[in-house]
N, C-alpha and C. Protein backbone atom coordinates (compact mmCIF):
# COMPACT_ATOMS: atom_id res chain seq x y z
N MET A 1 0.82 -1.20 0.00
CA MET A 1 0.00 0.00 0.00
C MET A 1 0.86 1.26 0.00
N THR A 2 1.97 1.22 0.71
CA THR A 2 2.84 2.39 0.79
C THR A 2 3.40 2.75 -0.58
N LEU A 3 3.75 1.76 -1.38
CA LEU A 3 4.29 2.02 -2.71
C LEU A 3 3.27 2.75 -3.58
N ILE A 4 2.03 2.35 -3.48
CA ILE A 4 0.97 3.01 -4.26
C ILE A 4 0.79 4.45 -3.79
N GLU A 5 0.81 4.66 -2.46
CA GLU A 5 0.67 6.02 -1.93
C GLU A 5 1.83 6.90 -2.36
N ASP A 6 3.05 6.35 -2.34
CA ASP A 6 4.22 7.10 -2.78
C ASP A 6 4.11 7.47 -4.25
N HIS A 7 3.63 6.55 -5.06
CA HIS A 7 3.47 6.80 -6.50
C HIS A 7 2.45 7.92 -6.74
N ILE A 8 1.34 7.87 -6.02
CA ILE A 8 0.31 8.90 -6.16
C ILE A 8 0.85 10.25 -5.72
N THR A 9 1.61 10.27 -4.62
CA THR A 9 2.19 11.52 -4.13
C THR A 9 3.17 12.09 -5.14
N LEU A 10 4.00 11.24 -5.73
CA LEU A 10 4.96 11.69 -6.73
C LEU A 10 4.26 12.24 -7.96
N LYS A 11 3.20 11.59 -8.40
CA LYS A 11 2.43 12.09 -9.54
C LYS A 11 1.83 13.47 -9.24
N ALA A 12 1.32 13.65 -8.03
CA ALA A 12 0.73 14.94 -7.65
C ALA A 12 1.80 16.03 -7.62
N LEU A 13 2.98 15.71 -7.12
CA LEU A 13 4.06 16.69 -7.09
C LEU A 13 4.52 17.06 -8.50
N LYS A 14 4.54 16.08 -9.40
CA LYS A 14 4.91 16.36 -10.79
C LYS A 14 3.89 17.29 -11.44
N ILE A 15 2.62 17.05 -11.17
CA ILE A 15 1.58 17.91 -11.72
C ILE A 15 1.71 19.33 -11.16
N ALA A 16 2.14 19.44 -9.90
CA ALA A 16 2.29 20.75 -9.27
C ALA A 16 3.51 21.51 -9.78
N GLY A 17 4.38 20.84 -10.53
CA GLY A 17 5.52 21.51 -11.13
C GLY A 17 6.82 21.37 -10.38
N ILE A 18 6.95 20.34 -9.56
CA ILE A 18 8.17 20.16 -8.77
C ILE A 18 9.35 19.73 -9.62
N GLU A 19 9.11 19.22 -10.82
CA GLU A 19 10.20 18.74 -11.67
C GLU A 19 11.17 19.85 -12.05
N ALA A 20 10.73 21.09 -12.02
CA ALA A 20 11.60 22.21 -12.37
C ALA A 20 12.50 22.63 -11.21
N MET A 21 12.21 22.16 -10.01
CA MET A 21 12.99 22.55 -8.83
C MET A 21 14.30 21.77 -8.77
N THR A 22 15.35 22.42 -8.29
CA THR A 22 16.66 21.79 -8.24
C THR A 22 16.71 20.62 -7.27
N ILE A 23 15.94 20.66 -6.19
CA ILE A 23 15.96 19.55 -5.23
C ILE A 23 15.42 18.28 -5.87
N TYR A 24 14.40 18.40 -6.71
CA TYR A 24 13.86 17.24 -7.41
C TYR A 24 14.88 16.68 -8.39
N GLN A 25 15.53 17.57 -9.12
CA GLN A 25 16.54 17.13 -10.08
C GLN A 25 17.70 16.44 -9.38
N GLY A 26 18.08 16.92 -8.21
CA GLY A 26 19.15 16.29 -7.45
C GLY A 26 18.77 14.90 -6.97
N ILE A 27 17.56 14.77 -6.46
CA ILE A 27 17.09 13.46 -6.00
C ILE A 27 16.98 12.49 -7.16
N LYS A 28 16.49 12.98 -8.29
CA LYS A 28 16.35 12.12 -9.47
C LYS A 28 17.70 11.62 -9.95
N SER A 29 18.72 12.49 -9.94
CA SER A 29 20.05 12.06 -10.39
C SER A 29 20.66 11.05 -9.43
N ILE A 30 20.40 11.19 -8.13
CA ILE A 30 20.89 10.21 -7.16
C ILE A 30 20.24 8.86 -7.40
N MET A 31 18.94 8.85 -7.65
CA MET A 31 18.22 7.60 -7.87
C MET A 31 18.65 6.93 -9.16
N GLU A 32 18.94 7.71 -10.20
CA GLU A 32 19.32 7.13 -11.49
C GLU A 32 20.77 6.64 -11.50
N ASP A 33 21.67 7.41 -10.90
CA ASP A 33 23.10 7.10 -10.98
C ASP A 33 23.62 6.29 -9.80
N ASP A 34 22.85 6.17 -8.73
CA ASP A 34 23.28 5.50 -7.50
C ASP A 34 24.54 6.11 -6.93
N ARG A 35 24.69 7.42 -7.04
CA ARG A 35 25.84 8.09 -6.44
C ARG A 35 25.42 9.48 -5.99
N ILE A 36 26.18 10.02 -5.08
CA ILE A 36 25.89 11.35 -4.53
C ILE A 36 27.08 12.25 -4.80
N GLU A 37 26.81 13.43 -5.32
CA GLU A 37 27.85 14.43 -5.54
C GLU A 37 27.60 15.58 -4.58
N VAL A 38 28.64 15.98 -3.87
CA VAL A 38 28.52 17.07 -2.91
C VAL A 38 29.39 18.21 -3.38
N HIS A 39 28.79 19.38 -3.52
CA HIS A 39 29.53 20.58 -3.90
C HIS A 39 29.43 21.56 -2.73
N ILE A 40 30.58 21.90 -2.18
CA ILE A 40 30.60 22.75 -1.00
C ILE A 40 31.34 24.04 -1.31
N ILE A 41 30.74 25.15 -0.95
CA ILE A 41 31.39 26.45 -1.05
C ILE A 41 31.90 26.79 0.34
N PRO A 42 33.20 27.05 0.50
CA PRO A 42 33.72 27.33 1.84
C PRO A 42 33.14 28.61 2.43
N VAL A 43 32.92 28.58 3.74
CA VAL A 43 32.38 29.75 4.43
C VAL A 43 33.45 30.84 4.50
N GLN A 44 34.66 30.43 4.83
CA GLN A 44 35.78 31.37 4.88
C GLN A 44 36.83 30.93 3.87
N LYS A 45 37.51 31.87 3.28
CA LYS A 45 38.45 31.54 2.21
C LYS A 45 39.64 30.73 2.71
N ARG A 46 39.99 30.81 3.96
CA ARG A 46 41.16 30.08 4.45
C ARG A 46 40.92 28.56 4.53
N TYR A 47 39.69 28.12 4.37
CA TYR A 47 39.38 26.70 4.44
C TYR A 47 39.34 26.03 3.07
N LYS A 48 39.83 26.67 2.04
CA LYS A 48 39.85 26.07 0.71
C LYS A 48 40.78 24.94 0.73
């Protein structure tokens, strides 16, 4: 039952336009590639 509910929720979010958001694109790339890329901008320049 949970899988069906998740599918319905995902369809509703797609209809609402979440596909254009960067968080959705990031999650989609993680699910497709099975890897995580982390890009960090240092808070202070001395930590580069």
